[in-house]
């Protein structure tokens, strides 16, 4: 297991809580969309194992055809769910120090992705370098032990997030009245 870039920062539970609150408040439109408007959530994070699990929910609007018993979520949405879980993994794993720019993602589709059901997406850090990270992800029907639907491997460029000090420096001075 590769070590994260920087162990300092808020505790893992606090980072997960902050992100889940932002999802619930619809501050991350992509996660909200991929969750069928339910906001999505981080279900589990394990720093030692280098894993993060999120819950998504594909909607009828994401399907290839008409809603019904044979409906399936279009592959681009399933691939986006895996992209989102790997991105959130980087944010949590780096203690809010990095976000991502995806360089490459390969998705393998194993089984149709059903709509209107909880989908468990788990990301795993393969290697976390100074500027590049390599991750793998799986999408499963239901929980982490559910039927495997698709997998992805991704290469991510690490993009430094501004620190609180950087944000303070960039604020324009307040006008005094």
N, C-alpha and C. Protein backbone atom coordinates (compact mmCIF):
# COMPACT_ATOMS: atom_id res chain seq x y z
N UNK A 1 0.85 -1.17 0.00
CA UNK A 1 0.00 0.00 0.00
C UNK A 1 0.89 1.23 0.00
N UNK A 2 0.67 2.10 -0.95
CA UNK A 2 1.45 3.32 -1.04
C UNK A 2 0.99 4.30 0.03
N UNK A 3 1.94 5.07 0.53
CA UNK A 3 1.61 6.07 1.54
C UNK A 3 0.99 7.29 0.89
N UNK A 4 0.09 7.95 1.64
CA UNK A 4 -0.50 9.18 1.11
C UNK A 4 0.53 10.28 1.15
N UNK A 5 0.27 11.33 0.39
CA UNK A 5 1.21 12.43 0.27
C UNK A 5 1.49 13.13 1.57
N UNK A 6 0.49 13.33 2.44
CA UNK A 6 0.67 14.11 3.64
C UNK A 6 -0.31 13.61 4.69
N UNK A 7 0.21 13.14 5.81
CA UNK A 7 -0.65 12.59 6.86
C UNK A 7 -1.27 13.67 7.73
N UNK A 8 -0.77 14.92 7.67
CA UNK A 8 -1.35 15.96 8.50
C UNK A 8 -2.66 16.43 7.90
N UNK A 9 -3.48 17.01 8.73
CA UNK A 9 -4.77 17.51 8.26
C UNK A 9 -5.85 17.02 9.19
N UNK A 10 -7.11 17.31 8.84
CA UNK A 10 -8.20 16.89 9.71
C UNK A 10 -8.32 15.38 9.78
N UNK A 11 -8.88 14.86 10.88
CA UNK A 11 -9.06 13.41 10.98
C UNK A 11 -9.94 12.88 9.84
N UNK A 12 -9.72 11.63 9.47
CA UNK A 12 -10.46 11.01 8.36
C UNK A 12 -11.97 11.15 8.52
N UNK A 13 -12.47 10.91 9.74
CA UNK A 13 -13.91 10.98 9.97
C UNK A 13 -14.45 12.38 9.66
N UNK A 14 -13.67 13.40 10.00
CA UNK A 14 -14.07 14.79 9.77
C UNK A 14 -14.13 15.09 8.27
N UNK A 15 -13.16 14.60 7.52
CA UNK A 15 -13.14 14.81 6.08
C UNK A 15 -14.35 14.14 5.43
N UNK A 16 -14.64 12.90 5.82
CA UNK A 16 -15.79 12.18 5.28
C UNK A 16 -17.07 12.93 5.64
N UNK A 17 -17.17 13.40 6.87
CA UNK A 17 -18.36 14.15 7.31
C UNK A 17 -18.54 15.42 6.48
N UNK A 18 -17.46 16.15 6.24
CA UNK A 18 -17.53 17.38 5.44
C UNK A 18 -18.02 17.09 4.02
N UNK A 19 -17.46 16.06 3.40
CA UNK A 19 -17.87 15.71 2.04
C UNK A 19 -19.31 15.23 2.00
N UNK A 20 -19.70 14.38 2.95
CA UNK A 20 -21.09 13.90 2.95
C UNK A 20 -22.06 15.06 3.15
N UNK A 21 -21.69 16.03 3.98
CA UNK A 21 -22.55 17.20 4.17
C UNK A 21 -22.66 17.99 2.87
N UNK A 22 -21.54 18.13 2.15
CA UNK A 22 -21.59 18.86 0.87
C UNK A 22 -22.45 18.11 -0.15
N UNK A 23 -22.42 16.77 -0.14
CA UNK A 23 -23.26 15.99 -1.05
C UNK A 23 -24.74 16.19 -0.68
N UNK A 24 -25.04 16.11 0.62
CA UNK A 24 -26.43 16.26 1.07
C UNK A 24 -26.98 17.64 0.74
N UNK A 25 -26.11 18.65 0.77
CA UNK A 25 -26.54 20.03 0.46
C UNK A 25 -26.45 20.34 -1.03
N UNK A 26 -26.25 19.30 -1.85
CA UNK A 26 -26.24 19.42 -3.31
C UNK A 26 -25.14 20.38 -3.80
N UNK A 27 -23.99 20.38 -3.11
CA UNK A 27 -22.88 21.26 -3.50
C UNK A 27 -21.93 20.59 -4.48
N UNK A 28 -22.19 19.34 -4.81
CA UNK A 28 -21.39 18.62 -5.79
C UNK A 28 -22.35 18.07 -6.84
N UNK A 29 -22.63 18.88 -7.89
CA UNK A 29 -23.65 18.48 -8.87
C UNK A 29 -23.41 17.14 -9.53
N UNK A 30 -22.15 16.78 -9.78
CA UNK A 30 -21.90 15.50 -10.45
C UNK A 30 -22.28 14.33 -9.55
N UNK A 31 -21.93 14.40 -8.27
CA UNK A 31 -22.29 13.32 -7.35
C UNK A 31 -23.80 13.25 -7.20
N UNK A 32 -24.46 14.41 -7.13
CA UNK A 32 -25.92 14.44 -7.01
C UNK A 32 -26.57 13.80 -8.25
N UNK A 33 -26.09 14.16 -9.42
CA UNK A 33 -26.63 13.60 -10.66
C UNK A 33 -26.44 12.09 -10.70
N UNK A 34 -25.25 11.63 -10.36
CA UNK A 34 -24.95 10.20 -10.40
C UNK A 34 -25.67 9.42 -9.30
N UNK A 35 -26.27 10.13 -8.38
CA UNK A 35 -27.02 9.50 -7.30
C UNK A 35 -28.51 9.63 -7.52
N UNK A 36 -28.91 9.98 -8.73
CA UNK A 36 -30.32 10.10 -9.04
C UNK A 36 -31.02 11.18 -8.25
N UNK A 37 -30.27 12.23 -7.86
CA UNK A 37 -30.83 13.34 -7.11
C UNK A 37 -30.92 13.10 -5.62
N UNK A 38 -30.35 12.00 -5.13
CA UNK A 38 -30.41 11.70 -3.69
C UNK A 38 -29.23 12.27 -2.93
N UNK A 39 -28.26 12.87 -3.62
CA UNK A 39 -27.11 13.47 -2.95
C UNK A 39 -25.89 12.59 -2.87
N UNK A 40 -26.06 11.28 -2.88
CA UNK A 40 -24.92 10.38 -2.78
C UNK A 40 -24.30 10.45 -1.39
N UNK A 41 -23.41 9.49 -1.09
CA UNK A 41 -22.74 9.53 0.20
C UNK A 41 -21.52 8.62 0.19
N UNK A 42 -20.57 8.98 1.05
CA UNK A 42 -19.43 8.11 1.31
C UNK A 42 -19.88 7.14 2.39
N UNK A 43 -19.80 5.87 2.10
CA UNK A 43 -20.25 4.83 3.01
C UNK A 43 -19.12 4.39 3.94
N UNK A 44 -17.89 4.31 3.41
CA UNK A 44 -16.77 3.81 4.21
C UNK A 44 -15.46 4.34 3.65
N UNK A 45 -14.50 4.54 4.56
CA UNK A 45 -13.14 4.92 4.17
C UNK A 45 -12.18 4.17 5.08
N UNK A 46 -11.17 3.55 4.48
CA UNK A 46 -10.16 2.82 5.23
C UNK A 46 -8.80 3.24 4.71
N UNK A 47 -8.12 4.10 5.47
CA UNK A 47 -6.82 4.62 5.02
C UNK A 47 -5.79 3.50 4.87
N UNK A 48 -5.72 2.58 5.83
CA UNK A 48 -4.72 1.51 5.76
C UNK A 48 -4.91 0.64 4.53
N UNK A 49 -6.15 0.31 4.21
CA UNK A 49 -6.42 -0.50 3.02
C UNK A 49 -6.40 0.35 1.75
N UNK A 50 -6.48 1.68 1.91
CA UNK A 50 -6.50 2.57 0.74
C UNK A 50 -7.79 2.46 -0.04
N UNK A 51 -8.93 2.29 0.68
CA UNK A 51 -10.21 2.13 -0.01
C UNK A 51 -11.24 3.16 0.46
N UNK A 52 -12.13 3.50 -0.44
CA UNK A 52 -13.26 4.38 -0.15
C UNK A 52 -14.46 3.85 -0.91
N UNK A 53 -15.60 3.77 -0.24
CA UNK A 53 -16.83 3.27 -0.87
C UNK A 53 -17.90 4.35 -0.82
N UNK A 54 -18.53 4.58 -1.97
CA UNK A 54 -19.64 5.53 -2.08
C UNK A 54 -20.87 4.79 -2.58
N UNK A 55 -22.03 5.37 -2.26
CA UNK A 55 -23.30 4.82 -2.74
C UNK A 55 -23.87 5.78 -3.79
N UNK A 56 -24.18 5.23 -4.95
CA UNK A 56 -24.82 5.97 -6.04
C UNK A 56 -26.16 5.30 -6.33
N UNK A 57 -26.96 5.94 -7.14
CA UNK A 57 -28.25 5.36 -7.53
C UNK A 57 -28.56 5.85 -8.94
N UNK A 58 -28.49 4.95 -9.90
CA UNK A 58 -28.81 5.31 -11.28
C UNK A 58 -30.31 5.55 -11.43
N UNK A 59 -30.68 6.58 -12.15
CA UNK A 59 -32.10 6.89 -12.33
C UNK A 59 -32.58 6.42 -13.70
N UNK A 60 -33.90 6.45 -13.90
CA UNK A 60 -34.47 6.10 -15.21
C UNK A 60 -33.93 7.02 -16.30
N UNK A 61 -33.64 8.26 -15.96
CA UNK A 61 -33.12 9.22 -16.94
C UNK A 61 -31.75 8.83 -17.46
N UNK A 62 -31.06 7.93 -16.76
CA UNK A 62 -29.72 7.48 -17.18
C UNK A 62 -29.77 6.24 -18.06
N UNK A 63 -30.96 5.72 -18.30
CA UNK A 63 -31.09 4.44 -19.01
C UNK A 63 -30.99 4.59 -20.52
N UNK A 64 -30.57 3.50 -21.16
CA UNK A 64 -30.47 3.44 -22.62
C UNK A 64 -31.83 3.47 -23.29
N UNK A 65 -32.83 2.97 -22.65
CA UNK A 65 -34.16 2.88 -23.27
C UNK A 65 -35.23 3.27 -22.29
N UNK A 66 -36.41 2.78 -22.56
CA UNK A 66 -37.55 3.09 -21.71
C UNK A 66 -37.41 2.39 -20.35
N UNK A 67 -37.95 3.04 -19.29
CA UNK A 67 -37.95 2.37 -17.99
C UNK A 67 -38.71 1.05 -18.07
N UNK A 68 -38.29 0.10 -17.29
CA UNK A 68 -38.95 -1.20 -17.27
C UNK A 68 -38.00 -2.26 -16.76
N UNK A 69 -38.43 -3.51 -16.79
CA UNK A 69 -37.62 -4.58 -16.21
C UNK A 69 -36.30 -4.83 -16.96
N UNK A 70 -36.22 -4.41 -18.21
CA UNK A 70 -34.98 -4.63 -18.97
C UNK A 70 -34.12 -3.37 -19.06
N UNK A 71 -34.53 -2.31 -18.40
CA UNK A 71 -33.78 -1.06 -18.44
C UNK A 71 -32.40 -1.25 -17.81
N UNK A 72 -31.42 -0.54 -18.36
CA UNK A 72 -30.08 -0.56 -17.79
C UNK A 72 -29.46 0.82 -17.91
N UNK A 73 -28.66 1.17 -16.91
CA UNK A 73 -27.98 2.46 -16.89
C UNK A 73 -26.95 2.47 -18.02
N UNK A 74 -26.95 3.56 -18.79
CA UNK A 74 -26.01 3.72 -19.90
C UNK A 74 -24.58 3.68 -19.36
N UNK A 75 -23.68 3.05 -20.10
CA UNK A 75 -22.31 2.83 -19.65
C UNK A 75 -21.54 4.08 -19.27
N UNK A 76 -21.81 5.19 -19.93
CA UNK A 76 -21.12 6.44 -19.60
C UNK A 76 -21.41 6.89 -18.19
N UNK A 77 -22.65 6.69 -17.73
CA UNK A 77 -22.99 7.05 -16.36
C UNK A 77 -22.30 6.13 -15.36
N UNK A 78 -22.26 4.83 -15.67
CA UNK A 78 -21.57 3.88 -14.79
C UNK A 78 -20.09 4.22 -14.71
N UNK A 79 -19.50 4.56 -15.85
CA UNK A 79 -18.09 4.96 -15.88
C UNK A 79 -17.87 6.24 -15.08
N UNK A 80 -18.82 7.18 -15.17
CA UNK A 80 -18.72 8.43 -14.41
C UNK A 80 -18.80 8.16 -12.91
N UNK A 81 -19.58 7.17 -12.50
CA UNK A 81 -19.64 6.83 -11.07
C UNK A 81 -18.28 6.36 -10.58
N UNK A 82 -17.61 5.56 -11.40
CA UNK A 82 -16.27 5.08 -11.03
C UNK A 82 -15.26 6.23 -11.04
N UNK A 83 -15.40 7.16 -11.97
CA UNK A 83 -14.55 8.34 -12.00
C UNK A 83 -14.77 9.18 -10.74
N UNK A 84 -16.03 9.35 -10.34
CA UNK A 84 -16.35 10.16 -9.16
C UNK A 84 -15.80 9.54 -7.88
N UNK A 85 -15.92 8.22 -7.73
CA UNK A 85 -15.43 7.59 -6.50
C UNK A 85 -13.90 7.67 -6.43
N UNK A 86 -13.21 7.56 -7.55
CA UNK A 86 -11.75 7.69 -7.51
C UNK A 86 -11.35 9.13 -7.19
N UNK A 87 -12.09 10.10 -7.71
CA UNK A 87 -11.79 11.51 -7.42
C UNK A 87 -12.00 11.79 -5.93
N UNK A 88 -13.11 11.33 -5.38
CA UNK A 88 -13.37 11.56 -3.96
C UNK A 88 -12.35 10.83 -3.10
N UNK A 89 -11.88 9.67 -3.56
CA UNK A 89 -10.84 8.95 -2.83
C UNK A 89 -9.59 9.81 -2.70
N UNK A 90 -9.20 10.46 -3.77
CA UNK A 90 -8.00 11.32 -3.73
C UNK A 90 -8.20 12.47 -2.75
N UNK A 91 -9.37 13.09 -2.78
CA UNK A 91 -9.65 14.22 -1.87
C UNK A 91 -9.56 13.76 -0.41
N UNK A 92 -10.17 12.63 -0.08
CA UNK A 92 -10.15 12.13 1.30
C UNK A 92 -8.76 11.63 1.67
N UNK A 93 -8.16 10.84 0.80
CA UNK A 93 -6.86 10.23 1.08
C UNK A 93 -5.77 11.27 1.30
N UNK A 94 -5.90 12.41 0.62
CA UNK A 94 -4.90 13.48 0.75
C UNK A 94 -5.26 14.48 1.84
N UNK A 95 -6.27 14.19 2.64
CA UNK A 95 -6.71 15.11 3.70
C UNK A 95 -7.04 16.49 3.16
N UNK A 96 -7.81 16.53 2.09
CA UNK A 96 -8.29 17.77 1.46
C UNK A 96 -7.17 18.62 0.86
N UNK A 97 -6.05 17.98 0.54
CA UNK A 97 -4.93 18.72 -0.05
C UNK A 97 -4.97 18.72 -1.58
N UNK A 98 -5.61 17.69 -2.17
CA UNK A 98 -5.63 17.57 -3.62
C UNK A 98 -7.03 17.29 -4.15
N UNK A 99 -7.26 17.75 -5.35
CA UNK A 99 -8.38 17.31 -6.16
C UNK A 99 -7.74 16.65 -7.39
N UNK A 100 -8.51 16.39 -8.43
CA UNK A 100 -7.96 15.60 -9.52
C UNK A 100 -8.22 16.21 -10.89
N UNK A 101 -7.38 15.81 -11.81
CA UNK A 101 -7.63 15.95 -13.24
C UNK A 101 -7.38 14.55 -13.80
N UNK A 102 -8.42 13.93 -14.31
CA UNK A 102 -8.28 12.57 -14.82
C UNK A 102 -7.46 12.58 -16.10
N UNK A 103 -6.45 11.72 -16.15
CA UNK A 103 -5.60 11.60 -17.33
C UNK A 103 -6.06 10.46 -18.23
N UNK A 104 -6.51 9.36 -17.59
CA UNK A 104 -6.94 8.20 -18.36
C UNK A 104 -7.83 7.34 -17.48
N UNK A 105 -8.86 6.76 -18.08
CA UNK A 105 -9.68 5.77 -17.37
C UNK A 105 -10.10 4.70 -18.36
N UNK A 106 -9.93 3.47 -17.94
CA UNK A 106 -10.39 2.32 -18.73
C UNK A 106 -11.47 1.63 -17.91
N UNK A 107 -12.66 1.51 -18.49
CA UNK A 107 -13.77 0.86 -17.81
C UNK A 107 -14.11 -0.44 -18.52
N UNK A 108 -14.29 -1.49 -17.75
CA UNK A 108 -14.69 -2.78 -18.27
C UNK A 108 -16.09 -3.08 -17.74
N UNK A 109 -17.03 -3.32 -18.66
CA UNK A 109 -18.41 -3.60 -18.30
C UNK A 109 -18.62 -5.11 -18.24
N UNK A 110 -19.10 -5.58 -17.09
CA UNK A 110 -19.22 -7.01 -16.85
C UNK A 110 -20.68 -7.46 -16.90
N UNK A 111 -21.57 -6.62 -16.37
CA UNK A 111 -23.00 -6.96 -16.33
C UNK A 111 -23.81 -5.67 -16.44
N UNK A 112 -25.06 -5.76 -16.89
CA UNK A 112 -25.89 -4.56 -16.98
C UNK A 112 -26.04 -3.89 -15.61
N UNK A 113 -26.04 -2.55 -15.61
CA UNK A 113 -26.20 -1.78 -14.37
C UNK A 113 -27.68 -1.43 -14.21
N UNK A 114 -28.33 -1.94 -13.16
CA UNK A 114 -29.76 -1.69 -12.99
C UNK A 114 -30.04 -0.28 -12.47
N UNK A 115 -31.13 0.33 -12.93
CA UNK A 115 -31.52 1.64 -12.41
C UNK A 115 -32.31 1.51 -11.10
N UNK A 116 -32.42 2.63 -10.40
CA UNK A 116 -33.28 2.74 -9.22
C UNK A 116 -32.94 1.76 -8.11
N UNK A 117 -31.64 1.45 -7.99
CA UNK A 117 -31.14 0.59 -6.92
C UNK A 117 -29.85 1.18 -6.41
N UNK A 118 -29.55 0.94 -5.15
CA UNK A 118 -28.27 1.39 -4.62
C UNK A 118 -27.14 0.67 -5.32
N UNK A 119 -26.14 1.43 -5.72
CA UNK A 119 -24.95 0.90 -6.38
C UNK A 119 -23.75 1.27 -5.51
N UNK A 120 -22.95 0.31 -5.19
CA UNK A 120 -21.78 0.51 -4.34
C UNK A 120 -20.54 0.65 -5.22
N UNK A 121 -19.87 1.81 -5.12
CA UNK A 121 -18.65 2.05 -5.88
C UNK A 121 -17.48 2.13 -4.90
N UNK A 122 -16.48 1.29 -5.11
CA UNK A 122 -15.32 1.28 -4.23
C UNK A 122 -14.07 1.59 -5.03
N UNK A 123 -13.30 2.57 -4.53
CA UNK A 123 -12.02 2.94 -5.14
C UNK A 123 -10.90 2.42 -4.25
N UNK A 124 -9.81 2.03 -4.89
CA UNK A 124 -8.62 1.56 -4.17
C UNK A 124 -7.38 2.24 -4.74
N UNK A 125 -6.56 2.78 -3.85
CA UNK A 125 -5.30 3.39 -4.27
C UNK A 125 -4.32 2.28 -4.62
N UNK A 126 -3.77 2.34 -5.82
CA UNK A 126 -2.71 1.42 -6.23
C UNK A 126 -1.36 2.06 -5.91
N UNK A 127 -1.21 3.33 -6.32
CA UNK A 127 0.00 4.10 -6.02
C UNK A 127 -0.38 5.57 -5.94
N UNK A 128 0.10 6.23 -4.90
CA UNK A 128 -0.18 7.65 -4.69
C UNK A 128 1.16 8.37 -4.67
N UNK A 129 1.50 9.00 -5.80
CA UNK A 129 2.78 9.68 -5.91
C UNK A 129 2.68 11.16 -5.56
N UNK A 130 3.72 11.91 -5.95
CA UNK A 130 3.73 13.36 -5.66
C UNK A 130 2.84 14.13 -6.62
N UNK A 131 2.75 13.67 -7.87
CA UNK A 131 1.96 14.41 -8.87
C UNK A 131 0.95 13.55 -9.60
N UNK A 132 1.09 12.23 -9.51
CA UNK A 132 0.21 11.29 -10.22
C UNK A 132 -0.25 10.21 -9.23
N UNK A 133 -1.50 9.79 -9.39
CA UNK A 133 -2.02 8.67 -8.59
C UNK A 133 -2.64 7.65 -9.53
N UNK A 134 -2.54 6.39 -9.16
CA UNK A 134 -3.12 5.29 -9.91
C UNK A 134 -4.14 4.61 -8.99
N UNK A 135 -5.36 4.46 -9.48
CA UNK A 135 -6.42 3.87 -8.68
C UNK A 135 -7.19 2.84 -9.49
N UNK A 136 -7.86 1.93 -8.77
CA UNK A 136 -8.79 0.98 -9.37
C UNK A 136 -10.14 1.18 -8.71
N UNK A 137 -11.20 0.82 -9.41
CA UNK A 137 -12.54 0.97 -8.84
C UNK A 137 -13.45 -0.15 -9.32
N UNK A 138 -14.46 -0.44 -8.51
CA UNK A 138 -15.47 -1.44 -8.84
C UNK A 138 -16.84 -0.85 -8.56
N UNK A 139 -17.81 -1.20 -9.40
CA UNK A 139 -19.21 -0.84 -9.18
C UNK A 139 -19.98 -2.14 -8.99
N UNK A 140 -20.73 -2.21 -7.88
CA UNK A 140 -21.47 -3.42 -7.55
C UNK A 140 -22.94 -3.10 -7.29
N UNK A 141 -23.79 -4.05 -7.56
CA UNK A 141 -25.22 -3.93 -7.29
C UNK A 141 -25.43 -4.10 -5.79
N UNK A 142 -26.02 -3.11 -5.14
CA UNK A 142 -26.25 -3.19 -3.70
C UNK A 142 -24.98 -2.84 -2.94
N UNK A 143 -24.61 -3.66 -1.98
CA UNK A 143 -23.45 -3.40 -1.14
C UNK A 143 -22.14 -3.88 -1.75
N UNK A 144 -21.08 -3.78 -0.94
CA UNK A 144 -19.74 -4.13 -1.42
C UNK A 144 -19.60 -5.61 -1.77
N UNK A 145 -20.53 -6.44 -1.31
CA UNK A 145 -20.50 -7.87 -1.64
C UNK A 145 -21.49 -8.22 -2.75
N UNK A 146 -22.13 -7.18 -3.34
CA UNK A 146 -23.12 -7.40 -4.40
C UNK A 146 -22.47 -7.84 -5.70
N UNK A 147 -23.32 -8.10 -6.68
CA UNK A 147 -22.86 -8.54 -8.00
C UNK A 147 -21.96 -7.49 -8.63
N UNK A 148 -20.80 -7.93 -9.14
CA UNK A 148 -19.86 -7.03 -9.80
C UNK A 148 -20.42 -6.63 -11.17
N UNK A 149 -20.53 -5.30 -11.40
CA UNK A 149 -21.12 -4.79 -12.64
C UNK A 149 -20.07 -4.24 -13.60
N UNK A 150 -19.11 -3.48 -13.08
CA UNK A 150 -18.03 -2.97 -13.92
C UNK A 150 -16.83 -2.58 -13.07
N UNK A 151 -15.69 -2.50 -13.72
CA UNK A 151 -14.44 -2.13 -13.05
C UNK A 151 -13.77 -1.02 -13.86
N UNK A 152 -12.85 -0.31 -13.20
CA UNK A 152 -12.08 0.72 -13.91
C UNK A 152 -10.68 0.80 -13.32
N UNK A 153 -9.76 1.18 -14.17
CA UNK A 153 -8.42 1.58 -13.71
C UNK A 153 -8.24 3.00 -14.22
N UNK A 154 -7.64 3.84 -13.37
CA UNK A 154 -7.53 5.25 -13.73
C UNK A 154 -6.19 5.82 -13.33
N UNK A 155 -5.74 6.77 -14.13
CA UNK A 155 -4.53 7.53 -13.86
C UNK A 155 -4.97 8.97 -13.66
N UNK A 156 -4.55 9.54 -12.54
CA UNK A 156 -5.03 10.86 -12.13
C UNK A 156 -3.85 11.80 -11.87
N UNK A 157 -3.97 13.02 -12.37
CA UNK A 157 -3.02 14.08 -12.04
C UNK A 157 -3.52 14.74 -10.77
N UNK A 158 -2.64 14.88 -9.78
CA UNK A 158 -3.01 15.50 -8.51
C UNK A 158 -2.94 17.02 -8.65
N UNK A 159 -4.03 17.68 -8.32
CA UNK A 159 -4.13 19.14 -8.42
C UNK A 159 -4.26 19.69 -7.00
N UNK A 160 -3.27 20.49 -6.59
CA UNK A 160 -3.26 21.02 -5.23
C UNK A 160 -4.44 21.95 -5.00
N UNK A 161 -5.15 21.70 -3.90
CA UNK A 161 -6.25 22.58 -3.50
C UNK A 161 -5.65 23.75 -2.71
N UNK A 162 -6.23 24.94 -2.83
CA UNK A 162 -5.69 26.07 -2.06
C UNK A 162 -5.89 25.84 -0.56
N UNK A 163 -4.86 26.18 0.21
CA UNK A 163 -4.95 26.07 1.67
C UNK A 163 -5.76 27.25 2.21
N UNK A 164 -6.09 27.19 3.49
CA UNK A 164 -6.79 28.32 4.11
C UNK A 164 -5.96 29.58 4.00
N UNK A 165 -4.65 29.45 4.16
CA UNK A 165 -3.76 30.61 4.06
C UNK A 165 -3.78 31.18 2.64
N UNK A 166 -3.77 30.29 1.63
CA UNK A 166 -3.83 30.74 0.23
C UNK A 166 -5.14 31.49 -0.03
N UNK A 167 -6.23 30.97 0.53
CA UNK A 167 -7.53 31.61 0.33
C UNK A 167 -7.56 32.99 0.97
N UNK A 168 -6.95 33.11 2.17
CA UNK A 168 -6.93 34.40 2.85
C UNK A 168 -6.12 35.42 2.05
N UNK A 169 -4.99 34.97 1.48
CA UNK A 169 -4.13 35.85 0.68
C UNK A 169 -4.83 36.34 -0.57
N UNK A 170 -5.69 35.51 -1.15
CA UNK A 170 -6.31 35.87 -2.42
C UNK A 170 -7.60 36.69 -2.25
N UNK A 171 -8.07 36.88 -1.01
CA UNK A 171 -9.28 37.67 -0.80
C UNK A 171 -8.96 39.15 -0.98
N UNK A 172 -9.80 39.85 -1.74
CA UNK A 172 -9.58 41.29 -1.89
C UNK A 172 -9.87 42.00 -0.58
N UNK A 173 -9.18 43.10 -0.31
CA UNK A 173 -9.44 43.83 0.93
C UNK A 173 -10.88 44.35 0.97
N UNK A 174 -11.47 44.32 2.15
CA UNK A 174 -12.83 44.82 2.31
C UNK A 174 -12.83 46.35 2.36
N UNK A 175 -13.75 46.93 1.66
CA UNK A 175 -13.89 48.39 1.68
C UNK A 175 -14.50 48.82 2.99
N UNK A 176 -13.94 49.87 3.57
CA UNK A 176 -14.48 50.40 4.82
C UNK A 176 -15.44 51.51 4.50
N UNK A 177 -16.57 51.48 5.14
CA UNK A 177 -17.58 52.50 4.91
C UNK A 177 -17.57 53.52 6.02
